[in-house]
N, C-alpha and C. Protein backbone atom coordinates (compact mmCIF):
# COMPACT_ATOMS: atom_id res chain seq x y z
N MET A 1 -13.43 1.11 15.18
CA MET A 1 -13.43 1.19 13.74
C MET A 1 -12.79 2.47 13.25
N ARG A 2 -12.95 3.56 13.97
CA ARG A 2 -12.33 4.82 13.56
C ARG A 2 -10.83 4.70 13.49
N ARG A 3 -10.23 4.03 14.51
CA ARG A 3 -8.78 3.90 14.54
C ARG A 3 -8.29 3.06 13.36
N ALA A 4 -8.97 1.97 13.06
CA ALA A 4 -8.58 1.12 11.94
C ALA A 4 -8.69 1.88 10.63
N THR A 5 -9.77 2.61 10.43
CA THR A 5 -9.94 3.38 9.21
C THR A 5 -8.88 4.46 9.11
N ALA A 6 -8.56 5.12 10.20
CA ALA A 6 -7.52 6.15 10.19
C ALA A 6 -6.17 5.54 9.87
N LEU A 7 -5.87 4.37 10.42
CA LEU A 7 -4.60 3.71 10.14
C LEU A 7 -4.53 3.26 8.70
N THR A 8 -5.62 2.75 8.16
CA THR A 8 -5.64 2.34 6.77
C THR A 8 -5.45 3.56 5.87
N THR A 9 -6.11 4.63 6.21
CA THR A 9 -5.94 5.86 5.44
C THR A 9 -4.50 6.31 5.47
N ALA A 10 -3.88 6.29 6.64
CA ALA A 10 -2.47 6.68 6.75
C ALA A 10 -1.59 5.75 5.94
N LEU A 11 -1.96 4.48 5.90
CA LEU A 11 -1.15 3.50 5.20
C LEU A 11 -1.30 3.60 3.69
N PHE A 12 -2.52 3.77 3.21
CA PHE A 12 -2.77 3.62 1.79
C PHE A 12 -3.23 4.85 1.04
N LEU A 13 -3.44 5.96 1.67
CA LEU A 13 -3.86 7.13 0.92
C LEU A 13 -2.73 8.12 0.83
N GLY A 14 -2.57 8.74 -0.32
CA GLY A 14 -1.43 9.62 -0.51
C GLY A 14 -1.79 10.95 -1.08
N GLY A 15 -0.79 11.75 -1.28
CA GLY A 15 -0.93 13.07 -1.86
C GLY A 15 -0.21 13.12 -3.19
N THR A 16 0.44 14.21 -3.47
CA THR A 16 1.15 14.39 -4.73
C THR A 16 2.41 13.56 -4.73
N ALA A 17 2.69 12.92 -5.85
CA ALA A 17 3.87 12.07 -5.94
C ALA A 17 4.70 12.46 -7.15
N PHE A 18 5.92 11.95 -7.18
CA PHE A 18 6.79 12.18 -8.32
C PHE A 18 7.42 10.86 -8.71
N LEU A 19 8.06 10.82 -9.84
CA LEU A 19 8.64 9.60 -10.36
C LEU A 19 10.14 9.76 -10.42
N SER A 20 10.86 8.81 -9.81
CA SER A 20 12.31 8.89 -9.86
C SER A 20 12.86 8.10 -11.03
N ALA A 21 12.05 7.25 -11.66
CA ALA A 21 12.43 6.54 -12.87
C ALA A 21 11.17 6.42 -13.71
N PRO A 22 11.28 6.54 -15.02
CA PRO A 22 10.08 6.51 -15.85
C PRO A 22 9.37 5.18 -15.77
N LEU A 23 8.03 5.22 -15.82
CA LEU A 23 7.25 3.99 -15.91
C LEU A 23 7.38 3.47 -17.33
N PRO A 24 7.41 2.21 -17.63
CA PRO A 24 7.38 1.16 -16.64
C PRO A 24 8.76 0.81 -16.15
N ALA A 25 8.82 0.29 -14.97
CA ALA A 25 10.06 -0.27 -14.47
C ALA A 25 9.98 -1.76 -14.75
N VAL A 26 10.98 -2.28 -15.37
CA VAL A 26 10.97 -3.69 -15.72
C VAL A 26 11.68 -4.47 -14.62
N ALA A 27 11.09 -5.58 -14.23
CA ALA A 27 11.64 -6.40 -13.15
C ALA A 27 13.11 -6.69 -13.42
N GLY A 28 13.91 -6.60 -12.37
CA GLY A 28 15.32 -6.93 -12.46
C GLY A 28 16.21 -5.78 -12.84
N THR A 29 15.65 -4.59 -13.05
CA THR A 29 16.45 -3.46 -13.49
C THR A 29 16.86 -2.54 -12.35
N GLY A 30 16.38 -2.78 -11.15
CA GLY A 30 16.70 -1.90 -10.04
C GLY A 30 15.96 -0.58 -10.10
N GLU A 31 14.88 -0.52 -10.84
CA GLU A 31 14.11 0.70 -10.99
C GLU A 31 13.33 1.03 -9.73
N THR A 32 13.05 2.32 -9.55
CA THR A 32 12.21 2.79 -8.45
C THR A 32 11.03 3.54 -9.04
N ILE A 33 9.83 3.19 -8.57
CA ILE A 33 8.60 3.85 -9.01
C ILE A 33 8.00 4.54 -7.80
N GLN A 34 7.54 5.77 -7.97
CA GLN A 34 6.84 6.47 -6.91
C GLN A 34 5.50 6.94 -7.44
N VAL A 35 4.44 6.62 -6.72
CA VAL A 35 3.09 7.02 -7.11
C VAL A 35 2.33 7.48 -5.88
N ASN A 36 1.26 8.22 -6.13
CA ASN A 36 0.33 8.54 -5.05
C ASN A 36 -0.97 7.81 -5.31
N ALA A 37 -1.74 7.63 -4.26
CA ALA A 37 -3.01 6.90 -4.37
C ALA A 37 -4.12 7.76 -3.80
N ARG A 38 -5.23 7.75 -4.51
CA ARG A 38 -6.42 8.46 -4.05
C ARG A 38 -7.53 7.44 -3.83
N ALA A 39 -8.17 7.51 -2.69
CA ALA A 39 -9.21 6.55 -2.33
C ALA A 39 -10.30 6.51 -3.38
N TRP A 40 -10.75 5.30 -3.65
CA TRP A 40 -11.86 5.10 -4.56
C TRP A 40 -12.99 4.45 -3.78
N THR A 41 -12.73 3.29 -3.20
CA THR A 41 -13.71 2.64 -2.33
C THR A 41 -13.00 2.09 -1.10
N GLU A 42 -13.72 1.97 -0.01
CA GLU A 42 -13.18 1.36 1.20
C GLU A 42 -14.33 0.76 1.99
N HIS A 43 -14.12 -0.45 2.49
CA HIS A 43 -15.13 -1.12 3.31
C HIS A 43 -14.45 -1.79 4.50
N TYR A 44 -14.91 -1.48 5.70
CA TYR A 44 -14.39 -2.08 6.93
C TYR A 44 -15.40 -3.09 7.43
N THR A 45 -14.95 -4.31 7.70
CA THR A 45 -15.81 -5.36 8.24
C THR A 45 -15.41 -5.63 9.68
N ASP A 46 -16.32 -5.38 10.59
CA ASP A 46 -16.08 -5.57 12.03
C ASP A 46 -16.69 -6.91 12.43
N VAL A 47 -15.84 -7.87 12.78
CA VAL A 47 -16.32 -9.18 13.20
C VAL A 47 -16.00 -9.38 14.68
N GLY A 48 -16.73 -10.29 15.31
CA GLY A 48 -16.45 -10.57 16.72
C GLY A 48 -16.77 -9.39 17.60
N ARG A 49 -15.87 -9.11 18.51
CA ARG A 49 -16.04 -8.02 19.47
C ARG A 49 -16.15 -6.67 18.75
N LYS A 50 -17.03 -5.80 19.24
CA LYS A 50 -17.22 -4.48 18.64
C LYS A 50 -15.94 -3.65 18.76
N GLY A 51 -15.60 -2.93 17.69
CA GLY A 51 -14.36 -2.17 17.65
C GLY A 51 -13.26 -3.00 17.03
N GLU A 52 -12.05 -2.43 16.93
CA GLU A 52 -10.94 -3.14 16.31
C GLU A 52 -10.58 -4.39 17.11
N SER A 53 -10.51 -5.52 16.39
CA SER A 53 -10.10 -6.77 17.01
C SER A 53 -9.59 -7.70 15.91
N ALA A 54 -8.84 -8.71 16.31
CA ALA A 54 -8.31 -9.67 15.36
C ALA A 54 -9.44 -10.25 14.51
N GLY A 55 -9.19 -10.32 13.21
CA GLY A 55 -10.18 -10.85 12.28
C GLY A 55 -10.95 -9.79 11.52
N ASP A 56 -10.99 -8.56 12.03
CA ASP A 56 -11.62 -7.47 11.28
C ASP A 56 -10.85 -7.30 9.97
N SER A 57 -11.50 -6.75 8.97
CA SER A 57 -10.80 -6.57 7.69
C SER A 57 -11.18 -5.26 7.03
N ILE A 58 -10.31 -4.85 6.13
CA ILE A 58 -10.49 -3.63 5.36
C ILE A 58 -10.23 -3.97 3.90
N ASP A 59 -11.20 -3.70 3.03
CA ASP A 59 -11.04 -3.88 1.60
C ASP A 59 -11.08 -2.50 0.96
N PHE A 60 -10.21 -2.26 -0.02
CA PHE A 60 -10.15 -0.92 -0.61
C PHE A 60 -9.69 -0.99 -2.06
N THR A 61 -10.02 0.06 -2.79
CA THR A 61 -9.47 0.30 -4.13
C THR A 61 -9.05 1.76 -4.18
N GLU A 62 -8.04 2.03 -4.97
CA GLU A 62 -7.50 3.39 -5.11
C GLU A 62 -7.10 3.63 -6.56
N LYS A 63 -7.06 4.89 -6.93
CA LYS A 63 -6.54 5.31 -8.23
C LYS A 63 -5.09 5.75 -8.01
N LEU A 64 -4.19 5.36 -8.92
CA LEU A 64 -2.77 5.69 -8.80
C LEU A 64 -2.42 6.82 -9.78
N PHE A 65 -1.63 7.78 -9.29
CA PHE A 65 -1.27 8.96 -10.07
C PHE A 65 0.23 9.25 -10.01
N GLN A 66 0.72 9.85 -11.09
CA GLN A 66 2.07 10.43 -11.15
C GLN A 66 1.93 11.77 -11.86
N HIS A 67 2.51 12.79 -11.28
CA HIS A 67 2.47 14.14 -11.88
C HIS A 67 1.05 14.55 -12.25
N GLY A 68 0.06 14.12 -11.48
CA GLY A 68 -1.32 14.46 -11.74
C GLY A 68 -2.01 13.59 -12.78
N ASP A 69 -1.26 12.72 -13.45
CA ASP A 69 -1.84 11.84 -14.46
C ASP A 69 -2.13 10.47 -13.86
N ARG A 70 -3.30 9.94 -14.17
CA ARG A 70 -3.65 8.62 -13.66
C ARG A 70 -2.86 7.56 -14.43
N VAL A 71 -2.17 6.68 -13.70
CA VAL A 71 -1.36 5.63 -14.32
C VAL A 71 -1.85 4.23 -14.00
N GLY A 72 -2.86 4.12 -13.14
CA GLY A 72 -3.37 2.80 -12.81
C GLY A 72 -4.29 2.82 -11.61
N ARG A 73 -4.40 1.64 -10.99
CA ARG A 73 -5.25 1.49 -9.81
C ARG A 73 -4.65 0.41 -8.93
N ASP A 74 -5.15 0.31 -7.72
CA ASP A 74 -4.80 -0.81 -6.86
C ASP A 74 -6.04 -1.29 -6.13
N SER A 75 -5.93 -2.49 -5.60
CA SER A 75 -6.98 -3.02 -4.74
C SER A 75 -6.29 -3.86 -3.68
N GLY A 76 -6.84 -3.80 -2.48
CA GLY A 76 -6.19 -4.51 -1.39
C GLY A 76 -7.15 -5.02 -0.35
N HIS A 77 -6.60 -5.91 0.45
CA HIS A 77 -7.34 -6.52 1.55
C HIS A 77 -6.38 -6.60 2.73
N CYS A 78 -6.77 -6.01 3.86
CA CYS A 78 -5.96 -6.06 5.07
C CYS A 78 -6.79 -6.68 6.18
N VAL A 79 -6.17 -7.56 6.94
CA VAL A 79 -6.82 -8.21 8.06
C VAL A 79 -6.13 -7.75 9.34
N VAL A 80 -6.91 -7.38 10.33
CA VAL A 80 -6.36 -7.00 11.63
C VAL A 80 -5.87 -8.29 12.29
N LYS A 81 -4.58 -8.32 12.62
CA LYS A 81 -4.00 -9.51 13.24
C LYS A 81 -3.88 -9.38 14.76
N ARG A 82 -3.62 -8.15 15.21
CA ARG A 82 -3.42 -7.95 16.65
C ARG A 82 -3.67 -6.50 17.01
N VAL A 83 -4.35 -6.29 18.14
CA VAL A 83 -4.61 -4.95 18.65
C VAL A 83 -4.28 -4.97 20.14
N THR A 84 -3.39 -4.05 20.54
CA THR A 84 -3.11 -3.85 21.96
C THR A 84 -3.26 -2.37 22.25
N ARG A 85 -3.05 -1.99 23.49
CA ARG A 85 -3.12 -0.56 23.81
C ARG A 85 -2.00 0.23 23.15
N ARG A 86 -0.90 -0.44 22.82
CA ARG A 86 0.26 0.26 22.26
C ARG A 86 0.55 -0.03 20.80
N SER A 87 -0.10 -1.03 20.23
CA SER A 87 0.21 -1.36 18.84
C SER A 87 -1.02 -1.91 18.11
N PHE A 88 -0.89 -1.93 16.80
CA PHE A 88 -1.97 -2.35 15.91
C PHE A 88 -1.28 -2.99 14.71
N THR A 89 -1.59 -4.27 14.41
CA THR A 89 -0.93 -4.97 13.30
C THR A 89 -1.95 -5.40 12.26
N LEU A 90 -1.64 -5.09 11.00
CA LEU A 90 -2.45 -5.49 9.85
C LEU A 90 -1.62 -6.42 8.98
N GLN A 91 -2.25 -7.42 8.38
CA GLN A 91 -1.62 -8.25 7.34
C GLN A 91 -2.31 -7.84 6.04
N CYS A 92 -1.54 -7.33 5.07
CA CYS A 92 -2.13 -6.75 3.86
C CYS A 92 -1.66 -7.45 2.59
N PHE A 93 -2.58 -7.54 1.63
CA PHE A 93 -2.33 -8.08 0.30
C PHE A 93 -2.86 -7.05 -0.69
N VAL A 94 -2.01 -6.56 -1.59
CA VAL A 94 -2.39 -5.49 -2.51
C VAL A 94 -1.93 -5.84 -3.92
N THR A 95 -2.76 -5.54 -4.91
CA THR A 95 -2.37 -5.65 -6.32
C THR A 95 -2.44 -4.27 -6.93
N LEU A 96 -1.33 -3.82 -7.50
CA LEU A 96 -1.26 -2.54 -8.21
C LEU A 96 -1.29 -2.85 -9.70
N THR A 97 -2.19 -2.22 -10.44
CA THR A 97 -2.32 -2.44 -11.87
C THR A 97 -1.94 -1.16 -12.59
N PHE A 98 -0.87 -1.23 -13.41
CA PHE A 98 -0.42 -0.08 -14.18
C PHE A 98 -0.93 -0.23 -15.60
N ARG A 99 -1.62 0.79 -16.08
CA ARG A 99 -2.25 0.76 -17.41
C ARG A 99 -1.28 0.32 -18.50
N GLY A 100 -1.66 -0.73 -19.20
CA GLY A 100 -0.87 -1.20 -20.34
C GLY A 100 0.47 -1.80 -19.98
N ARG A 101 0.77 -1.96 -18.70
CA ARG A 101 2.08 -2.43 -18.28
C ARG A 101 2.05 -3.74 -17.51
N GLY A 102 1.00 -3.96 -16.72
CA GLY A 102 0.90 -5.17 -15.93
C GLY A 102 0.61 -4.88 -14.47
N ASP A 103 0.68 -5.94 -13.69
CA ASP A 103 0.37 -5.86 -12.26
C ASP A 103 1.62 -6.10 -11.43
N LEU A 104 1.60 -5.52 -10.23
CA LEU A 104 2.57 -5.84 -9.17
C LEU A 104 1.77 -6.31 -7.97
N THR A 105 2.24 -7.35 -7.31
CA THR A 105 1.59 -7.80 -6.08
C THR A 105 2.49 -7.49 -4.90
N VAL A 106 1.85 -7.10 -3.80
CA VAL A 106 2.55 -6.66 -2.59
C VAL A 106 1.86 -7.30 -1.40
N GLN A 107 2.66 -7.72 -0.42
CA GLN A 107 2.04 -8.23 0.80
C GLN A 107 2.99 -8.08 1.98
N GLY A 108 2.40 -8.10 3.17
CA GLY A 108 3.21 -8.05 4.38
C GLY A 108 2.42 -7.57 5.57
N ALA A 109 3.07 -7.68 6.72
CA ALA A 109 2.49 -7.21 7.98
C ALA A 109 2.98 -5.80 8.25
N VAL A 110 2.07 -4.99 8.74
CA VAL A 110 2.41 -3.61 9.10
C VAL A 110 1.98 -3.41 10.55
N THR A 111 2.93 -3.03 11.39
CA THR A 111 2.63 -2.78 12.79
C THR A 111 2.80 -1.30 13.07
N PHE A 112 1.79 -0.71 13.65
CA PHE A 112 1.83 0.68 14.05
C PHE A 112 1.98 0.73 15.57
N THR A 113 2.92 1.53 16.04
CA THR A 113 3.07 1.75 17.47
C THR A 113 3.14 3.25 17.70
N ARG A 114 2.93 3.66 18.93
CA ARG A 114 2.98 5.09 19.24
C ARG A 114 4.36 5.67 19.03
N ARG A 115 5.40 4.87 19.19
CA ARG A 115 6.77 5.37 19.10
C ARG A 115 7.47 5.01 17.81
N ASN A 116 6.82 4.28 16.91
CA ASN A 116 7.45 3.83 15.69
C ASN A 116 7.43 4.94 14.64
N ASN A 117 8.62 5.41 14.26
CA ASN A 117 8.72 6.46 13.24
C ASN A 117 9.22 5.90 11.91
N GLU A 118 9.37 4.58 11.81
CA GLU A 118 9.86 3.97 10.58
C GLU A 118 8.74 3.89 9.54
N ASN A 119 9.12 3.98 8.28
CA ASN A 119 8.15 3.82 7.20
C ASN A 119 7.79 2.35 7.06
N PRO A 120 6.51 2.02 6.93
CA PRO A 120 6.13 0.63 6.70
C PRO A 120 6.70 0.13 5.37
N VAL A 121 7.22 -1.10 5.36
CA VAL A 121 7.77 -1.72 4.15
C VAL A 121 7.15 -3.10 3.99
N LEU A 122 6.60 -3.35 2.81
CA LEU A 122 6.02 -4.64 2.48
C LEU A 122 6.83 -5.25 1.34
N ALA A 123 6.65 -6.53 1.08
CA ALA A 123 7.39 -7.22 0.01
C ALA A 123 6.64 -7.14 -1.31
N VAL A 124 7.38 -6.87 -2.40
CA VAL A 124 6.84 -7.06 -3.74
C VAL A 124 7.01 -8.55 -4.02
N THR A 125 5.90 -9.24 -4.23
CA THR A 125 5.94 -10.70 -4.31
C THR A 125 5.80 -11.26 -5.73
N GLY A 126 5.57 -10.40 -6.71
CA GLY A 126 5.47 -10.88 -8.09
C GLY A 126 4.85 -9.84 -8.99
N GLY A 127 4.65 -10.25 -10.23
CA GLY A 127 4.06 -9.34 -11.18
C GLY A 127 3.72 -10.02 -12.48
N THR A 128 3.05 -9.27 -13.36
CA THR A 128 2.69 -9.75 -14.69
C THR A 128 3.12 -8.71 -15.71
N GLY A 129 3.08 -9.07 -16.99
CA GLY A 129 3.42 -8.13 -18.05
C GLY A 129 4.85 -7.63 -17.90
N ASP A 130 5.03 -6.31 -17.97
CA ASP A 130 6.36 -5.72 -17.82
C ASP A 130 6.99 -6.04 -16.47
N TYR A 131 6.19 -6.46 -15.51
CA TYR A 131 6.67 -6.73 -14.15
C TYR A 131 6.77 -8.22 -13.84
N ALA A 132 6.71 -9.07 -14.87
CA ALA A 132 6.80 -10.52 -14.66
C ALA A 132 8.07 -10.85 -13.88
N GLY A 133 7.91 -11.63 -12.83
CA GLY A 133 9.05 -12.04 -12.01
C GLY A 133 9.53 -10.98 -11.05
N ALA A 134 8.78 -9.92 -10.87
CA ALA A 134 9.21 -8.80 -10.02
C ALA A 134 9.38 -9.23 -8.57
N SER A 135 10.35 -8.60 -7.92
CA SER A 135 10.53 -8.71 -6.47
C SER A 135 11.11 -7.39 -6.01
N GLY A 136 11.03 -7.17 -4.73
CA GLY A 136 11.56 -5.93 -4.19
C GLY A 136 10.80 -5.49 -2.97
N GLU A 137 10.76 -4.18 -2.76
CA GLU A 137 10.12 -3.62 -1.57
C GLU A 137 9.14 -2.53 -1.95
N PHE A 138 8.08 -2.44 -1.16
CA PHE A 138 7.02 -1.45 -1.32
C PHE A 138 7.00 -0.66 -0.02
N GLU A 139 7.41 0.59 -0.07
CA GLU A 139 7.52 1.42 1.13
C GLU A 139 6.50 2.54 1.09
N ILE A 140 5.88 2.78 2.22
CA ILE A 140 4.98 3.92 2.36
C ILE A 140 5.78 5.02 3.04
N THR A 141 5.99 6.13 2.32
CA THR A 141 6.75 7.24 2.88
C THR A 141 5.85 8.46 3.03
N GLU A 142 6.34 9.43 3.79
CA GLU A 142 5.61 10.68 3.97
C GLU A 142 6.52 11.83 3.58
N SER A 143 5.98 12.74 2.81
CA SER A 143 6.70 13.93 2.39
C SER A 143 5.74 15.10 2.41
N ASN A 144 6.11 16.17 3.09
CA ASN A 144 5.25 17.34 3.20
C ASN A 144 3.86 16.98 3.72
N GLY A 145 3.82 16.05 4.67
CA GLY A 145 2.55 15.65 5.27
C GLY A 145 1.70 14.75 4.41
N ARG A 146 2.26 14.24 3.31
CA ARG A 146 1.50 13.37 2.41
C ARG A 146 2.20 12.03 2.28
N ASP A 147 1.40 10.97 2.15
CA ASP A 147 1.95 9.63 2.00
C ASP A 147 2.20 9.30 0.53
N HIS A 148 3.27 8.56 0.28
CA HIS A 148 3.66 8.14 -1.07
C HIS A 148 4.01 6.66 -1.06
N TYR A 149 3.80 5.99 -2.18
CA TYR A 149 4.25 4.63 -2.35
C TYR A 149 5.58 4.69 -3.11
N VAL A 150 6.59 4.04 -2.57
CA VAL A 150 7.88 3.93 -3.24
C VAL A 150 8.12 2.44 -3.48
N ILE A 151 8.20 2.06 -4.74
CA ILE A 151 8.36 0.66 -5.11
C ILE A 151 9.76 0.50 -5.68
N ARG A 152 10.59 -0.31 -4.99
CA ARG A 152 11.96 -0.57 -5.44
C ARG A 152 12.03 -2.00 -5.96
N LEU A 153 12.20 -2.14 -7.25
CA LEU A 153 12.29 -3.46 -7.87
C LEU A 153 13.75 -3.89 -7.94
N ILE A 154 13.97 -5.16 -7.65
CA ILE A 154 15.35 -5.69 -7.72
C ILE A 154 15.44 -6.80 -8.75
């Protein structure tokens, strides 16, 4: 459970972020949004065999910030799909809610390996409000030892 919680923290918790385009980004404009997330709640459910195993899940909520100002929240659910000695795969579904602007939905599989230095990238699968019809990519990046969400809408 410690490893899963640490991986989830690495995946979804961030530090200080900046904005490369002003909020809101409207779907289809090619805008990029960058935010940081601070943990609000997290719950790990261990099913089956004790410790990380397929079927375990992590539910979480976070507060989203830009330049120190809160701009929204997210909530997500990740299911452990595969655990080996060298890798760990989660299937995640996340909804980001931006105050007064709408929601973005994100989903995808994230595989962590000891040698993988690539940033995890998930798909933006839709949205509401200002983000109606959104698509694009949701990337978790690291800068100065802190994780950031980079959302590229197409």
